[in-house]
Protein backbone atom coordinates (compact mmCIF):
# COMPACT_ATOMS: atom_id res chain seq x y z
CA MET A 1 45.21 -24.87 -79.25
CA ASP A 2 44.24 -27.95 -81.26
CA THR A 3 40.62 -27.41 -82.23
CA SER A 4 38.66 -28.95 -85.09
CA GLN A 5 38.46 -25.52 -86.69
CA ALA A 6 42.26 -25.22 -86.62
CA HIS A 7 42.56 -28.64 -88.26
CA GLU A 8 40.12 -27.65 -90.99
CA SER A 9 42.07 -24.49 -91.69
CA ARG A 10 45.28 -26.44 -92.23
CA ARG A 11 43.85 -28.86 -94.79
CA SER A 12 41.82 -26.19 -96.54
CA THR A 13 44.81 -23.82 -96.52
CA LEU A 14 46.83 -26.39 -98.46
CA LEU A 15 44.03 -27.26 -100.87
CA THR A 16 43.36 -23.59 -101.61
CA LEU A 17 47.04 -23.02 -102.25
CA LEU A 18 47.27 -26.07 -104.51
CA SER A 19 44.15 -25.34 -106.54
CA GLU A 20 44.22 -21.54 -106.70
CA ARG A 21 47.83 -20.53 -105.91
CA ARG A 22 46.28 -18.30 -103.26
CA GLN A 23 47.46 -17.95 -99.67
CA GLU A 24 46.96 -15.71 -96.66
CA ILE A 25 49.67 -17.35 -94.55
CA VAL A 26 52.82 -19.35 -95.26
CA PRO A 27 52.03 -23.00 -94.44
CA VAL A 28 54.76 -24.96 -92.69
CA THR A 29 55.58 -28.65 -92.91
CA THR A 30 58.39 -30.70 -91.39
CA TYR A 31 58.95 -33.08 -94.32
CA GLY A 32 57.27 -35.99 -92.62
CA VAL A 33 58.02 -35.60 -88.92
CA ASP A 34 54.53 -36.72 -87.96
CA ARG A 35 52.73 -39.81 -86.74
CA TYR A 36 51.32 -40.65 -90.21
CA SER A 37 54.34 -40.71 -92.52
CA HIS A 38 56.83 -42.99 -90.78
CA PRO A 39 55.55 -45.80 -88.54
CA TRP A 40 58.90 -46.02 -86.77
CA MET A 41 58.56 -42.41 -85.61
CA ALA A 42 55.10 -43.03 -84.17
CA ALA A 43 56.51 -46.01 -82.24
CA ASP A 44 59.63 -44.20 -81.01
CA PRO A 45 59.18 -42.67 -77.51
CA SER A 46 61.89 -40.07 -78.21
CA PHE A 47 59.66 -38.56 -80.93
CA ALA A 48 56.45 -38.56 -78.88
CA ARG A 49 56.50 -34.96 -77.65
CA LEU A 50 57.51 -33.61 -81.07
CA LEU A 51 54.76 -35.57 -82.84
CA ASP A 52 52.19 -34.14 -80.46
CA TYR A 53 53.52 -30.70 -81.38
CA THR A 54 53.45 -31.29 -85.14
CA ASP A 55 49.93 -32.67 -84.82
CA SER A 56 48.86 -29.29 -83.48
CA HIS A 57 51.00 -26.91 -85.53
CA GLU A 58 52.09 -28.43 -88.84
CA HIS A 59 50.41 -28.38 -92.26
CA ILE A 60 51.06 -32.08 -92.67
CA PHE A 61 51.94 -33.80 -95.93
CA ALA A 62 51.42 -37.39 -94.80
CA LEU A 63 53.85 -39.48 -96.86
CA HIS A 64 52.36 -42.76 -98.01
CA ARG A 65 54.45 -45.68 -99.34
CA SER A 66 58.15 -46.28 -99.33
CA TYR A 67 60.67 -43.65 -100.34
CA TYR A 68 62.99 -46.20 -101.89
CA ALA A 69 62.81 -47.25 -105.53
CA SER A 70 64.99 -50.33 -104.98
CA PHE A 71 63.72 -53.87 -105.37
CA GLY A 72 62.22 -55.16 -102.16
CA ALA A 73 61.21 -51.69 -101.02
CA THR A 74 58.66 -50.51 -103.56
CA ASP A 75 55.34 -51.80 -104.87
CA VAL A 76 56.32 -50.89 -108.42
CA LEU A 77 58.92 -53.69 -108.57
CA GLY A 78 56.68 -56.23 -106.89
CA VAL A 79 56.71 -59.88 -107.96
CA SER A 80 53.39 -61.72 -107.91
CA ASP A 81 54.87 -65.22 -107.64
CA PRO A 82 56.41 -65.75 -104.19
CA ALA A 83 58.56 -68.55 -105.59
CA ALA A 84 60.34 -66.01 -107.81
CA VAL A 85 61.97 -64.36 -104.79
CA GLU A 86 64.14 -65.72 -102.02
CA GLN A 87 64.67 -63.39 -99.08
CA ARG A 88 66.94 -63.84 -96.08
CA SER A 89 67.31 -61.39 -93.21
CA TYR A 90 69.90 -61.67 -90.49
CA ARG A 91 71.48 -59.61 -87.75
CA THR A 92 75.05 -58.61 -87.21
CA GLU A 93 76.23 -56.31 -84.46
CA GLY A 94 74.20 -53.12 -84.74
CA ALA A 95 72.58 -53.82 -88.14
CA THR A 96 69.89 -55.76 -89.97
CA HIS A 97 70.82 -57.20 -93.35
CA THR A 98 68.40 -58.33 -96.04
CA GLU A 99 69.53 -60.42 -99.00
CA TYR A 100 67.35 -61.06 -102.05
CA VAL A 101 67.58 -63.52 -104.91
CA LEU A 102 65.21 -62.76 -107.80
CA HIS A 103 64.73 -65.59 -110.29
CA THR A 104 64.18 -64.41 -113.87
CA PRO A 105 63.94 -66.31 -117.19
CA ALA A 106 67.39 -64.92 -118.04
CA GLY A 107 69.04 -65.89 -114.75
CA ASP A 108 69.15 -64.79 -111.11
CA LEU A 109 69.58 -61.26 -109.77
CA THR A 110 70.79 -60.59 -106.23
CA ALA A 111 70.61 -57.60 -103.90
CA HIS A 112 71.79 -56.86 -100.37
CA TYR A 113 70.57 -53.95 -98.23
CA THR A 114 71.51 -52.93 -94.69
CA GLU A 115 69.73 -50.88 -92.03
CA ASN A 116 71.85 -49.82 -89.05
CA ASP A 117 70.27 -49.67 -85.62
CA GLY A 118 69.19 -46.17 -84.69
CA VAL A 119 69.45 -44.88 -88.28
CA HIS A 120 66.21 -45.31 -90.19
CA THR A 121 67.53 -45.42 -93.72
CA VAL A 122 68.57 -48.31 -95.95
CA TRP A 123 72.07 -48.62 -97.41
CA ARG A 124 72.06 -50.36 -100.78
CA HIS A 125 75.54 -51.80 -101.25
CA ASP A 126 74.72 -54.70 -103.56
CA MET A 127 72.05 -53.79 -106.10
CA LEU A 128 70.18 -55.93 -108.62
CA ILE A 129 72.12 -54.74 -111.68
CA LYS A 130 75.87 -55.30 -111.39
CA SER A 131 76.80 -56.39 -114.90
CA ASP A 132 75.71 -56.09 -118.52
CA ASP A 133 74.06 -59.50 -118.25
CA ASP A 134 72.12 -58.26 -115.22
CA MET A 135 70.51 -55.59 -117.41
CA ASP A 136 69.04 -58.37 -119.56
CA ARG A 137 67.89 -60.19 -116.43
CA PHE A 138 66.21 -57.03 -115.12
CA LEU A 139 64.42 -56.62 -118.45
CA ALA A 140 63.24 -60.23 -118.20
CA ALA A 141 62.24 -60.00 -114.53
CA PRO A 142 58.60 -60.90 -113.74
CA PHE A 143 57.72 -57.57 -112.17
CA VAL A 144 54.02 -57.02 -111.53
CA PRO A 145 53.20 -53.77 -109.69
CA ALA A 146 51.40 -54.55 -106.45
CA PRO A 147 47.74 -53.46 -106.26
CA PRO A 148 47.08 -50.49 -104.01
CA ASP A 149 46.38 -51.21 -100.36
CA VAL A 150 43.21 -49.15 -100.10
CA GLU A 151 42.52 -50.16 -96.52
CA SER A 152 45.92 -48.92 -95.33
CA PHE A 153 45.57 -45.65 -97.22
CA GLU A 154 42.07 -44.99 -95.91
CA ARG A 155 43.14 -45.80 -92.37
CA THR A 156 45.92 -43.23 -92.55
CA ARG A 157 43.71 -40.64 -94.23
CA GLN A 158 41.07 -41.01 -91.55
CA ALA A 159 43.68 -40.67 -88.80
CA LEU A 160 45.14 -37.57 -90.45
CA GLY A 161 41.73 -35.93 -90.68
CA GLU A 162 41.87 -32.20 -91.34
CA ARG A 163 45.47 -31.72 -90.19
CA GLY A 164 46.82 -31.83 -93.73
CA VAL A 165 46.81 -33.81 -96.96
CA MET A 166 47.93 -37.25 -98.05
CA GLU A 167 50.98 -37.51 -100.28
CA ILE A 168 51.98 -40.52 -102.40
CA GLU A 169 55.67 -41.24 -103.04
CA VAL A 170 56.42 -41.86 -106.74
CA PRO A 171 59.90 -42.66 -108.09
CA ASP A 172 60.26 -41.55 -111.70
CA PRO A 173 61.58 -44.00 -114.35
CA LEU A 174 65.13 -42.67 -114.04
CA CYS A 175 65.06 -43.21 -110.27
CA LEU A 176 63.72 -46.73 -110.66
CA VAL A 177 66.66 -47.61 -112.92
CA VAL A 178 69.43 -45.71 -111.12
CA GLU A 179 68.55 -46.98 -107.65
CA ASN A 180 68.94 -50.55 -108.84
CA MET A 181 72.52 -50.17 -110.09
CA SER A 182 75.53 -48.16 -109.01
CA TYR A 183 75.39 -44.57 -110.23
CA GLU A 184 78.86 -44.85 -111.71
CA ASP A 185 77.74 -47.83 -113.80
CA PHE A 186 74.69 -45.91 -114.97
CA MET A 187 76.83 -42.98 -116.12
CA VAL A 188 79.18 -45.26 -118.05
CA ARG A 189 76.36 -47.22 -119.65
CA THR A 190 74.64 -44.08 -120.94
CA LEU A 191 77.70 -43.74 -123.18
CA PHE A 192 78.58 -47.36 -123.96
CA ALA A 193 75.21 -49.15 -123.74
CA PRO A 194 72.65 -46.42 -124.56
CA ALA A 195 70.15 -48.78 -126.17
CA LYS A 196 70.07 -50.96 -123.07
CA ILE A 197 69.61 -47.92 -120.79
CA ASP A 198 66.72 -46.80 -123.01
CA ALA A 199 65.17 -50.27 -122.70
CA LEU A 200 65.49 -50.18 -118.91
CA LEU A 201 63.85 -46.75 -118.78
CA ASP A 202 61.04 -47.91 -121.06
CA LYS A 203 60.38 -50.90 -118.79
CA ALA A 204 60.45 -48.70 -115.69
CA ALA A 205 58.05 -46.22 -117.30
CA GLU A 206 55.62 -48.99 -118.21
CA LEU A 207 55.66 -50.44 -114.69
CA LEU A 208 55.22 -47.01 -113.11
CA HIS A 209 52.32 -46.10 -115.39
CA THR A 210 50.54 -49.36 -114.56
CA TRP A 211 51.07 -48.89 -110.82
CA LEU A 212 50.25 -45.19 -110.77
CA GLU A 213 47.05 -45.60 -112.75
CA SER A 214 45.81 -48.24 -110.31
CA VAL A 215 46.63 -45.97 -107.36
CA LEU A 216 44.83 -43.01 -108.94
CA ARG A 217 41.78 -45.09 -109.82
CA ALA A 218 41.65 -46.25 -106.20
CA GLY A 219 41.30 -42.62 -105.09
CA PHE A 220 44.79 -42.06 -103.67
CA GLY A 221 46.08 -38.50 -103.46
CA PRO A 222 45.70 -35.58 -103.71
CA VAL A 223 49.47 -34.93 -103.72
CA PHE A 224 52.05 -37.07 -105.54
CA ARG A 225 55.70 -36.50 -104.72
CA VAL A 226 57.77 -37.43 -107.79
CA PHE A 227 61.47 -37.93 -107.08
CA GLY A 228 64.50 -38.78 -109.21
CA PRO A 229 65.18 -35.81 -111.55
CA GLU A 230 68.37 -34.86 -109.65
CA TYR A 231 70.12 -37.98 -110.98
CA ALA A 232 70.38 -36.33 -114.42
CA ALA A 233 70.43 -32.65 -113.45
CA PRO A 234 73.27 -30.46 -114.76
CA PRO A 235 76.15 -30.25 -114.07
CA ILE A 236 76.17 -34.00 -113.27
CA MET A 237 74.75 -34.72 -116.71
CA SER A 238 74.18 -32.45 -119.69
CA LEU A 239 70.89 -30.67 -120.32
CA LYS A 240 70.42 -32.96 -123.34
CA TYR A 241 70.42 -36.01 -121.08
CA PHE A 242 68.10 -34.33 -118.59
CA LYS A 243 65.54 -33.75 -121.31
CA LYS A 244 65.97 -37.33 -122.58
CA PHE A 245 65.97 -39.18 -119.25
CA VAL A 246 63.74 -36.94 -117.15
CA THR A 247 61.52 -34.54 -119.09
CA ALA A 248 60.47 -37.07 -121.73
CA TYR A 249 59.76 -39.87 -119.25
CA ASP A 250 58.19 -37.80 -116.46
CA ARG A 251 55.72 -35.90 -118.63
CA PRO A 252 53.29 -38.84 -119.16
CA LEU A 253 53.24 -39.57 -115.41
CA ILE A 254 52.60 -35.93 -114.52
CA GLU A 255 49.84 -35.67 -117.11
CA LEU A 256 48.27 -38.86 -115.74
CA ILE A 257 48.25 -37.43 -112.22
CA HIS A 258 46.69 -34.19 -113.44
CA ARG A 259 44.00 -36.00 -115.43
CA HIS A 260 42.88 -37.62 -112.19
CA GLY A 261 42.82 -34.28 -110.34
CA GLY A 262 46.05 -34.80 -108.42
CA TYR A 263 48.89 -32.38 -107.72
CA VAL A 264 52.59 -33.00 -108.38
CA ARG A 265 55.32 -32.16 -105.89
CA TYR A 266 58.56 -32.39 -107.88
CA HIS A 267 61.55 -33.23 -105.71
CA CYS A 268 65.03 -32.26 -106.91
CA HIS A 269 68.01 -31.48 -104.69
CA GLY A 270 70.94 -29.34 -105.80
CA PRO A 271 71.24 -26.93 -108.73
CA ILE A 272 67.99 -26.31 -110.60
CA ARG A 273 68.65 -23.03 -112.43
CA ARG A 274 69.23 -24.68 -115.82
CA ILE A 275 66.27 -27.08 -115.53
CA LEU A 276 63.70 -24.73 -114.04
CA ASP A 277 62.16 -24.10 -117.46
CA ASP A 278 61.64 -27.86 -117.77
CA PHE A 279 59.80 -27.87 -114.42
CA LEU A 280 57.52 -25.13 -115.69
CA ALA A 281 56.99 -26.81 -119.06
CA LEU A 282 56.06 -30.06 -117.32
CA GLY A 283 53.42 -28.17 -115.38
CA VAL A 284 54.40 -29.49 -111.96
CA ASP A 285 52.53 -27.84 -109.10
CA MET A 286 55.27 -27.67 -106.46
CA THR A 287 59.01 -28.15 -106.24
CA ASP A 288 61.21 -28.85 -103.25
CA PRO A 289 63.63 -28.36 -101.53
CA CYS A 290 64.67 -25.12 -103.33
CA GLU A 291 68.19 -25.17 -101.90
CA ALA A 292 70.13 -21.93 -101.84
CA PRO A 293 73.86 -21.80 -102.66
CA PRO A 294 76.15 -23.59 -101.99
CA SER A 295 73.85 -26.66 -102.05
CA GLY A 296 71.87 -25.17 -104.92
CA ASP A 297 72.63 -22.51 -107.51
CA ILE A 298 69.79 -20.00 -107.13
CA THR A 299 68.59 -17.99 -104.16
CA LEU A 300 65.02 -18.36 -102.97
CA ARG A 301 64.31 -14.70 -103.79
CA GLU A 302 65.58 -15.06 -107.35
CA LEU A 303 63.70 -18.34 -107.74
CA ALA A 304 60.46 -16.76 -106.55
CA ASP A 305 60.87 -13.80 -108.90
CA ARG A 306 61.49 -16.17 -111.80
CA VAL A 307 58.50 -18.50 -111.33
CA GLY A 308 55.91 -16.01 -110.07
CA ARG A 309 52.51 -17.67 -109.61
CA ASP A 310 53.33 -20.59 -111.93
CA LEU A 311 54.97 -22.82 -109.31
CA ILE A 312 54.62 -23.38 -105.57
CA LEU A 313 58.02 -23.37 -103.87
CA MET A 314 58.76 -25.62 -100.88
CA GLY A 315 61.86 -25.21 -98.76
CA ASN A 316 64.46 -24.08 -98.07
CA ILE A 317 65.80 -24.62 -94.51
CA GLN A 318 68.68 -27.11 -94.48
CA LEU A 319 68.27 -30.12 -92.20
CA ASP A 320 71.84 -29.54 -91.03
CA ASP A 321 70.71 -26.24 -89.51
CA ILE A 322 67.74 -27.94 -87.86
CA GLU A 323 70.12 -30.45 -86.30
CA ARG A 324 72.95 -28.09 -85.30
CA ALA A 325 71.96 -24.42 -85.17
CA GLY A 326 70.95 -22.40 -82.16
CA PRO A 327 67.26 -21.43 -81.79
CA GLU A 328 67.94 -17.79 -82.66
CA LYS A 329 69.41 -18.82 -85.99
CA ILE A 330 66.38 -21.01 -86.75
CA ASP A 331 64.16 -18.01 -86.10
CA ALA A 332 66.29 -15.84 -88.40
CA LEU A 333 66.40 -18.44 -91.19
CA VAL A 334 62.61 -18.78 -91.16
CA ALA A 335 62.14 -15.01 -91.25
CA GLU A 336 64.60 -14.69 -94.14
CA ALA A 337 62.97 -17.45 -96.18
CA ILE A 338 59.47 -16.03 -95.75
CA ASP A 339 60.70 -12.56 -96.65
CA ALA A 340 62.48 -13.90 -99.75
CA ALA A 341 59.50 -15.82 -101.16
CA GLY A 342 56.43 -14.30 -99.52
CA GLY A 343 54.29 -12.39 -102.01
CA ARG A 344 56.60 -13.18 -104.94
CA ALA A 345 55.61 -16.84 -105.40
CA PRO A 346 53.37 -19.29 -103.56
CA PHE A 347 55.49 -20.70 -100.76
CA ILE A 348 55.43 -23.51 -98.19
CA LEU A 349 58.13 -23.48 -95.54
CA CYS A 350 59.86 -26.84 -95.29
CA PRO A 351 63.23 -28.35 -94.31
CA THR A 352 65.32 -30.04 -97.01
CA ALA A 353 64.96 -33.47 -95.32
CA PHE A 354 63.75 -35.11 -92.11
CA PRO A 355 65.80 -36.45 -89.17
CA PHE A 356 66.18 -40.24 -89.29
CA SER A 357 68.30 -40.90 -86.20
CA SER A 358 66.91 -42.56 -83.09
CA PRO A 359 66.70 -41.52 -80.36
CA LEU A 360 65.79 -38.03 -81.54
CA PRO A 361 68.44 -35.52 -80.38
CA VAL A 362 67.15 -32.87 -78.00
CA VAL A 363 68.56 -30.06 -80.16
CA THR A 364 66.69 -31.34 -83.23
CA GLU A 365 63.45 -31.62 -81.26
CA GLY A 366 63.74 -28.08 -79.94
CA ASN A 367 64.70 -26.61 -83.28
CA LEU A 368 61.79 -28.22 -85.10
CA MET A 369 59.40 -26.79 -82.52
CA ARG A 370 61.09 -23.40 -82.89
CA PHE A 371 60.84 -23.79 -86.68
CA LEU A 372 57.07 -24.31 -86.44
CA ASP A 373 56.65 -21.43 -83.99
CA ALA A 374 58.67 -19.06 -86.17
CA ALA A 375 56.62 -20.01 -89.22
CA GLU A 376 53.41 -19.10 -87.39
CA LYS A 377 54.99 -15.85 -86.20
CA TYR A 378 56.28 -14.65 -89.56
CA GLY A 379 54.04 -16.53 -91.98
CA ALA A 380 50.96 -14.39 -91.51
CA LYS A 381 52.91 -11.10 -91.48
CA ALA A 382 54.03 -11.71 -95.07
CA PHE A 383 50.44 -11.18 -96.24
CA SER A 384 49.22 -8.66 -93.69
């Protein structure tokens, strides 16, 4: 059944959970498998039946704006003068390539990204920063965050209606720097060029603050998904670096969102045991994907016991299971997750990622429907 009352209950269920940490069911979301988050999905016939199903059953977080923090794919690194950028796209067998040349007062920067047919993700194999001189060019680049497209946002919000809430994608300063150079180079430069890394992070933070404030003033929200902390999470980097590169730079953005009445969904794959106290100290409202071992380092039950009512947990069904498991296992995984978190901490059932292959495999389609059905079956029992 897809009634107006059912739609209202889904949006209000999420808002009540966000504002009061109170729930009577476990909401379920598919991490953006809906007709509002990814235009390519809405246009792909292989997703049509599934999108009809999510429209009727999912507590939708409608992702708005690009996931990527790389130049050419985010409004934060926009350039107001068209003459400052040269862009060339071309096709090779099975792929679309895009090459950029960004003119800066300190010299040119180049980037090259590829999107393979049938795989809706971008591979960044030639990023803006490839040398020490490129860091100076990036710092001199004429970035001017693009103004918010209010018309596009309002159009999506109206289409979404009461099926869920809008969610804005926000790279943090660390993400904005790391995704414009190779990660190996970033790690080396934290040791051998720390002052330059600090300057890059300061520039990224300034650009993000300018962009985010304009988005908030335009009425975007209510949810803001901040991503990037995993790039400095232990054991990849020390806790000292996490506090320096993540906690210190993310706090002003989180406080800005909260001052405008928004909610922060803090995205961090992998181990989070050692940085969970930082999440709580930052005051984020939600965290995802809450991966259990071996992908993470803390079980959902232990995580829920540790955070109590102070943090909404989102997760923790692996996309690999959605794409490969049998339907009975999907049912069991959902039941286990709801039992582990339900009543211990506020919880939203969610996969760790979304499928980005086209056409959509039949197994994935069936398992996502089973996932939604199982959430409805077990999600209310946890509070009965």
